[in-house]
């Protein structure tokens, strides 16, 4: 069939193609029909129902957020504006051992409450949860993991100890159910109270179904500070014993005494990569965000409260100011504020840059969409990498920045037919201005929309338009690992 007899749904013409393979930009037109990219090349004479001139702009695969806590946002805020507005078309959920299922609870313990309360934990199986996401039909795609902390809360009466054989068997069955339902793997968060008492062997046994069913193991490690090497070795042991891919979540070094140690940790990761499949992600900020914890608050150079149940008026305030106002030390005032969330300034910029520049590092936001005053990474992560770190600082070229948030991520998570602009792949596409793209969200005003994102397409449908508005379209799908099924 000749090109002149084909009528495409849409042609994006005249743009610079950055295809997600770490290849340098080249100029070509991109044709979309239905939910697929059907042609890339010189399509000047081709017929199309619609053409968009994107000269001077970059056409790239939609960004894949490798680390999110969007499990409940997919249901509560399906337009997913914080992510769509910065070019994200797929979110990986269920990180840090925390997933919305399988658990029924009116009062989930911290950090599970970071995903919300108020009838949020209402799914007795992972299939129920995924069915609810499919029925809601969010604006972006999602690839979902089941969380080990959630499994412990659901399957154990007391999470302050190691699991019994019977409890391990119960959690194994929940993992198998989740993987059969469409989960892509299991995440752990042994840093957090519900899983801190879990032994290495418990984690291995609970995750046994990953070996048979081909899932991944992602982890917020036990320690990201003084004992980080021991935590990394535990992570490598779990992955090697199970024979599954390992992903180190939001790799960082916490605390001034650990500044500069990224040279050591990245060398260890590089060595481990020689004998097993290991990946990592990072976010482009020197501050992290999670539940309010006394040890973190004491060590942090600055702490900002992101939400506070007993004193909501303290949201967005510095902990130091609150402590002075209440006539107490930072250590003592924390007890009065909990449950709460916080932003902690505990990292070194040189480590952040070194980790992001590491060739295998993916980009993940780790944003918390239910925080009243969220970390700006929720709205700004991907434009910040493109603008501040790639264009302005020259940390890596633009095509490498795009690869770190598209093709690399798709390959590491086993997300088929996405992450690369290629004929036959799904039409998840972002069009952005390389000269102006940047993050606008700050720690003081964290919910500001990024600049320079012109259009976003999910499964071939326009979701974010050139006027900087959400179109209302919600074409997102639940994605399975290493499968073309949607």
Foldseek 3Di string as FASTA:
>chain_A
DDQQVDEFAEKAAAAWELFLPLDGTDHWIWTHHFFFTADTHHCVNGHYPYYDYQHLWYKYFQFEFLEEACLQCCQVVLLLCLRVLQRHAEYEHAAQLEHLDDFFDQDDDPPNCLSPHDRSNHHNALLVSQVSSVVSQGQHAYAYAHGNLRLLVHQDPDQQAEDDPVSLVSLLVRRLRNQVSFHQAYEHNCLDRSNVRYDLVSVLSSRLVCLVSVHAYEYQWNDQEDCVVVRVVSQLVSCVVSVHAYEYEARFYFAPVCAPCLVVVVVVQVVSVVPHHYFYAHFQDQKDKGWDDLVQQVRFPWKAWQAFVVCRVRHLPILCVVQVVVVHDSNVCSVVGPRTMMMGRTGDNVSSLVQVLSQRYAYHQHWRVPGNQTALSSNFGLLACLAVVCPPVVSDHNSSSLNSRFVSSCVSSQFPLGRGPDRPRGPFMWMFNSVQWGRDADSNRRSDHTPTTAWTDHSRHTQAHRVGDGPPDRNYHHTHHNDPDD
